[in-house]
Amino acid sequence: MNGKKIFAILAILMIALGIAGFAYAHWEKIVTVDGTVKTGTLNLIIMSAADDDNGIDPDYDKDVADTVITIDREDPQMAHITITNAYPSYHVYWHITIRNVGTIPAKLYAIEINNPYPCLEVDAWDHIYEQLDPFPIRPYQSDYSGYIHVLQCAEQGTTYTFTVRFVFWNWNEVP
């Protein structure tokens, strides 16, 4: 009989604990959080673009090649570079200044050069993953440069036009 009493007490205790656990598990409190999230802007623009071909080279008497760099009106992170009246072995350096006018830091993810000409060699110096902070926190702008070389296969009277586009991402999305 002693065993039956202990078993009954344990059974009642287990049922009571089960009911208490069920009640506790369904006990809830609703917490409502109300707030406003204001996101920043990622906005970088080319401030200036130039080349180092300033007319007739020293010790020469002809100004034969010309390089013009313009900033794209629709995409201010892209520049159009046009070379006219160039000759084989003509070379020029290009320089572009970009400023972070947004509100969050950005890092350079890629420099995309869209050059469809096999007789034109275009390269940019490596600034990948460089961070630009928002203006006026320094460094809020940076200078990027590259090199253009007209190869021997260039044809007379050809005008070369290509683009250089800078791709920036949020600072925390780039290594």
Protein backbone atom coordinates (compact mmCIF):
# COMPACT_ATOMS: atom_id res chain seq x y z
CA MET A 1 0.00 0.00 0.00
CA ASN A 2 2.90 2.28 0.62
CA GLY A 3 3.98 1.94 -3.01
CA LYS A 4 0.50 2.87 -4.26
CA LYS A 5 0.47 6.06 -2.16
CA ILE A 6 3.88 7.12 -3.42
CA PHE A 7 2.81 6.39 -7.00
CA ALA A 8 -0.40 8.43 -6.54
CA ILE A 9 1.52 11.35 -5.03
CA LEU A 10 4.04 11.29 -7.90
CA ALA A 11 1.23 11.11 -10.47
CA ILE A 12 -0.59 14.06 -8.90
CA LEU A 13 2.69 16.00 -8.66
CA MET A 14 3.47 15.32 -12.35
CA ILE A 15 -0.01 16.42 -13.42
CA ALA A 16 0.29 19.59 -11.32
CA LEU A 17 3.73 20.39 -12.77
CA GLY A 18 2.41 19.74 -16.29
CA ILE A 19 -0.50 22.14 -15.76
CA ALA A 20 1.83 24.77 -14.27
CA GLY A 21 4.27 24.38 -17.18
CA PHE A 22 1.46 24.65 -19.73
CA ALA A 23 0.10 27.77 -18.04
CA TYR A 24 3.58 29.34 -17.84
CA ALA A 25 4.29 28.55 -21.50
CA HIS A 26 1.11 30.34 -22.57
CA TRP A 27 1.62 33.32 -20.36
CA GLU A 28 2.54 36.20 -22.65
CA LYS A 29 3.17 39.87 -22.69
CA ILE A 30 2.89 41.83 -25.90
CA VAL A 31 5.55 44.48 -26.37
CA THR A 32 5.12 46.97 -29.20
CA VAL A 33 8.11 48.91 -30.45
CA ASP A 34 7.42 51.98 -32.54
CA GLY A 35 10.21 53.90 -34.23
CA THR A 36 11.59 55.46 -37.36
CA VAL A 37 14.56 54.22 -39.33
CA LYS A 38 16.39 56.77 -41.44
CA THR A 39 18.77 55.25 -43.98
CA GLY A 40 21.80 56.97 -45.39
CA THR A 41 22.66 57.64 -49.02
CA LEU A 42 25.46 56.21 -51.12
CA ASN A 43 26.30 58.93 -53.62
CA LEU A 44 29.69 59.47 -55.24
CA ILE A 45 30.38 61.76 -58.18
CA ILE A 46 33.27 62.62 -60.44
CA MET A 47 34.30 66.16 -59.53
CA SER A 48 36.92 66.65 -62.23
CA ALA A 49 38.54 64.79 -65.10
CA ALA A 50 41.68 65.70 -67.02
CA ASP A 51 44.56 64.29 -69.04
CA ASP A 52 48.22 65.22 -69.23
CA ASP A 53 48.34 65.93 -72.98
CA ASN A 54 48.75 69.70 -72.97
CA GLY A 55 49.41 70.38 -76.62
CA ILE A 56 52.69 70.17 -78.49
CA ASP A 57 55.36 68.09 -76.76
CA PRO A 58 58.77 69.68 -76.14
CA ASP A 59 61.18 69.34 -79.09
CA TYR A 60 58.30 68.65 -81.52
CA ASP A 61 56.51 71.00 -83.87
CA LYS A 62 53.15 69.22 -84.39
CA ASP A 63 50.15 68.85 -82.12
CA VAL A 64 48.71 65.73 -83.68
CA ALA A 65 46.77 63.83 -81.00
CA ASP A 66 44.07 65.08 -78.67
CA THR A 67 42.43 63.48 -75.64
CA VAL A 68 39.13 64.77 -74.24
CA ILE A 69 37.56 63.47 -71.02
CA THR A 70 33.93 64.26 -70.18
CA ILE A 71 31.80 63.29 -67.19
CA ASP A 72 28.61 61.39 -68.05
CA ARG A 73 25.54 63.52 -67.31
CA GLU A 74 23.31 60.54 -66.44
CA ASP A 75 25.88 58.55 -64.43
CA PRO A 76 28.27 60.83 -62.52
CA GLN A 77 30.51 57.85 -61.70
CA MET A 78 31.41 57.35 -65.37
CA ALA A 79 33.75 59.28 -67.66
CA HIS A 80 33.94 59.17 -71.46
CA ILE A 81 37.42 59.39 -72.95
CA THR A 82 37.85 60.26 -76.63
CA ILE A 83 41.16 60.22 -78.49
CA THR A 84 41.37 61.77 -81.94
CA ASN A 85 44.16 62.01 -84.49
CA ALA A 86 46.34 59.59 -82.50
CA TYR A 87 49.31 57.66 -83.85
CA PRO A 88 51.05 54.40 -82.85
CA SER A 89 52.90 54.73 -79.53
CA TYR A 90 50.86 57.79 -78.49
CA HIS A 91 50.37 57.62 -74.75
CA VAL A 92 48.54 59.76 -72.26
CA TYR A 93 47.67 59.63 -68.57
CA TRP A 94 44.15 60.36 -67.34
CA HIS A 95 43.23 61.71 -63.91
CA ILE A 96 39.78 61.63 -62.29
CA THR A 97 38.78 63.03 -58.89
CA ILE A 98 35.79 61.44 -57.12
CA ARG A 99 34.02 62.84 -54.05
CA ASN A 100 31.66 61.12 -51.63
CA VAL A 101 28.65 63.48 -51.40
CA GLY A 102 26.46 60.87 -49.68
CA THR A 103 26.01 60.27 -45.97
CA ILE A 104 27.67 56.87 -45.53
CA PRO A 105 31.24 55.71 -46.18
CA ALA A 106 31.90 53.90 -49.46
CA LYS A 107 34.63 51.63 -50.77
CA LEU A 108 35.75 51.29 -54.37
CA TYR A 109 34.64 47.84 -55.52
CA ALA A 110 35.77 47.98 -59.16
CA ILE A 111 36.98 50.19 -61.98
CA GLU A 112 35.21 49.11 -65.16
CA ILE A 113 36.96 50.07 -68.39
CA ASN A 114 34.80 49.52 -71.46
CA ASN A 115 37.39 49.54 -74.24
CA PRO A 116 36.29 47.78 -77.44
CA TYR A 117 39.51 48.56 -79.33
CA PRO A 118 42.27 45.94 -79.57
CA CYS A 119 44.72 48.64 -80.70
CA LEU A 120 44.19 50.66 -77.55
CA GLU A 121 45.68 49.62 -74.23
CA VAL A 122 43.94 51.18 -71.22
CA ASP A 123 44.73 50.55 -67.58
CA ALA A 124 43.90 52.07 -64.19
CA TRP A 125 46.03 52.17 -61.08
CA ASP A 126 44.75 49.89 -58.36
CA HIS A 127 42.69 51.66 -55.71
CA ILE A 128 40.34 48.72 -55.11
CA TYR A 129 38.82 48.69 -51.60
CA GLU A 130 39.90 52.25 -50.87
CA GLN A 131 37.40 53.91 -48.53
CA LEU A 132 35.94 57.38 -49.06
CA ASP A 133 34.09 58.90 -46.11
CA PRO A 134 31.18 61.33 -46.54
CA PHE A 135 32.03 65.00 -47.08
CA PRO A 136 33.47 66.79 -45.03
CA ILE A 137 35.08 63.88 -43.09
CA ARG A 138 38.51 63.18 -44.55
CA PRO A 139 39.30 61.43 -46.85
CA TYR A 140 36.09 62.41 -48.66
CA GLN A 141 37.60 62.47 -52.14
CA SER A 142 40.36 60.72 -54.01
CA ASP A 143 42.26 60.99 -57.26
CA TYR A 144 42.31 58.03 -59.63
CA SER A 145 44.66 57.76 -62.59
CA GLY A 146 45.26 55.53 -65.54
CA TYR A 147 47.29 55.06 -68.67
CA ILE A 148 46.32 54.94 -72.36
CA HIS A 149 48.70 53.62 -75.02
CA VAL A 150 47.91 53.47 -78.73
CA LEU A 151 49.44 50.28 -80.12
CA GLN A 152 51.15 49.71 -83.48
CA CYS A 153 48.00 48.24 -85.03
CA ALA A 154 46.22 51.63 -84.85
CA GLU A 155 44.74 52.81 -88.13
CA GLN A 156 45.05 56.31 -89.48
CA GLY A 157 42.11 58.65 -88.89
CA THR A 158 40.51 56.50 -86.18
CA THR A 159 38.68 58.12 -83.27
CA TYR A 160 38.69 56.07 -80.08
CA THR A 161 35.95 56.50 -77.49
CA PHE A 162 35.62 54.37 -74.38
CA THR A 163 34.31 54.68 -70.83
CA VAL A 164 35.76 54.36 -67.35
CA ARG A 165 33.20 53.68 -64.62
CA PHE A 166 33.85 53.58 -60.88
CA VAL A 167 31.74 51.12 -58.87
CA PHE A 168 31.41 51.95 -55.17
CA TRP A 169 29.66 49.82 -52.53
CA ASN A 170 28.74 50.36 -48.89
CA TRP A 171 31.86 50.34 -46.73
CA ASN A 172 30.75 47.19 -44.90
CA GLU A 173 30.09 45.13 -48.05
CA VAL A 174 33.64 45.25 -49.41
CA PRO A 175 36.65 43.61 -47.71
